Amino acid sequence: MVNYNDDTVKTMVRLTIQLPDELYRKVRQVAETQRISAAEVIRRAVTAYTPSDRWERAMAVVGAFTDEAPDVAERHDDYLAEAFG
């Protein structure tokens, strides 16, 4: 996770948002519990919500490979035992 409170992040854009009262209370509660600012709670939530480059690279290979064994989902332990002895 990126730590936005250290010196590696040089610039940030100021953003004004409106939250319903209940959501704002939840953000403040998380901030107090974790001893971070409400802004940091929201930054972490947005970071977790948005896809990362790592996720996109992983999804790019989905379906790219074929397998001779149609039952690998059911017999994966057997195949691993065969491969690694």
Protein backbone atom coordinates (compact mmCIF):
# COMPACT_ATOMS: atom_id res chain seq x y z
CA MET A 1 0.00 0.00 0.00
CA VAL A 2 1.22 3.49 -0.76
CA ASN A 3 1.94 5.60 2.28
CA TYR A 4 0.80 9.07 1.33
CA ASN A 5 2.21 10.59 4.48
CA ASP A 6 5.87 10.09 3.58
CA ASP A 7 8.13 12.10 1.29
CA THR A 8 7.73 9.85 -1.77
CA VAL A 9 4.55 11.64 -2.83
CA LYS A 10 5.53 15.16 -3.81
CA THR A 11 2.28 16.63 -5.12
CA MET A 12 -1.39 16.12 -4.47
CA VAL A 13 -4.50 17.67 -5.92
CA ARG A 14 -7.01 19.14 -3.50
CA LEU A 15 -10.49 17.70 -3.97
CA THR A 16 -13.71 18.70 -2.24
CA ILE A 17 -16.30 15.97 -1.84
CA GLN A 18 -19.68 15.70 -0.19
CA LEU A 19 -20.56 12.65 1.90
CA PRO A 20 -23.82 11.65 3.52
CA ASP A 21 -23.67 12.12 7.31
CA GLU A 22 -23.58 8.38 8.02
CA LEU A 23 -20.69 7.76 5.61
CA TYR A 24 -18.79 10.72 7.05
CA ARG A 25 -19.22 9.27 10.57
CA LYS A 26 -17.86 5.94 9.35
CA VAL A 27 -14.83 7.62 7.77
CA ARG A 28 -14.14 9.54 11.00
CA GLN A 29 -14.51 6.36 13.06
CA VAL A 30 -12.00 4.47 10.87
CA ALA A 31 -9.64 7.45 11.02
CA GLU A 32 -9.77 7.55 14.81
CA THR A 33 -9.37 3.78 15.16
CA GLN A 34 -6.36 3.68 12.82
CA ARG A 35 -4.98 7.01 14.03
CA ILE A 36 -4.86 8.51 10.55
CA SER A 37 -6.60 11.45 8.93
CA ALA A 38 -10.00 11.22 7.26
CA ALA A 39 -8.25 12.20 4.02
CA GLU A 40 -5.91 9.21 4.38
CA VAL A 41 -8.91 6.89 4.92
CA ILE A 42 -10.45 8.16 1.69
CA ARG A 43 -7.14 7.92 -0.23
CA ARG A 44 -6.74 4.31 0.87
CA ALA A 45 -10.33 3.49 -0.06
CA VAL A 46 -9.91 5.00 -3.53
CA THR A 47 -6.61 3.15 -3.98
CA ALA A 48 -8.27 -0.14 -3.01
CA TYR A 49 -11.24 0.56 -5.29
CA THR A 50 -9.28 1.42 -8.43
CA PRO A 51 -7.56 -1.31 -10.43
CA SER A 52 -3.79 -1.36 -10.34
CA ASP A 53 -1.41 -2.10 -13.19
CA ARG A 54 -0.67 -5.41 -11.47
CA TRP A 55 -4.31 -6.45 -11.71
CA GLU A 56 -4.50 -5.48 -15.40
CA ARG A 57 -1.38 -7.52 -16.20
CA ALA A 58 -2.77 -10.54 -14.37
CA MET A 59 -6.12 -10.28 -16.15
CA ALA A 60 -4.37 -10.03 -19.52
CA VAL A 61 -3.26 -13.67 -19.26
CA VAL A 62 -6.66 -15.07 -18.26
CA GLY A 63 -7.63 -17.57 -20.93
CA ALA A 64 -4.27 -17.28 -22.69
CA PHE A 65 -3.27 -20.85 -21.88
CA THR A 66 -4.84 -24.19 -22.65
CA ASP A 67 -4.55 -27.44 -20.74
CA GLU A 68 -4.88 -31.04 -21.82
CA ALA A 69 -6.58 -31.94 -18.54
CA PRO A 70 -10.22 -30.86 -18.45
CA ASP A 71 -10.55 -31.80 -14.77
CA VAL A 72 -7.71 -29.72 -13.33
CA ALA A 73 -10.10 -27.82 -11.07
CA GLU A 74 -11.19 -31.03 -9.37
CA ARG A 75 -7.85 -32.91 -9.43
CA HIS A 76 -5.34 -30.10 -8.92
CA ASP A 77 -3.77 -31.85 -5.90
CA ASP A 78 -3.18 -35.00 -7.94
CA TYR A 79 -1.55 -33.05 -10.76
CA LEU A 80 0.70 -31.16 -8.32
CA ALA A 81 1.74 -34.43 -6.68
CA GLU A 82 2.61 -35.86 -10.11
CA ALA A 83 4.60 -32.77 -11.08
CA PHE A 84 6.54 -32.39 -7.84
CA GLY A 85 6.71 -36.01 -6.71
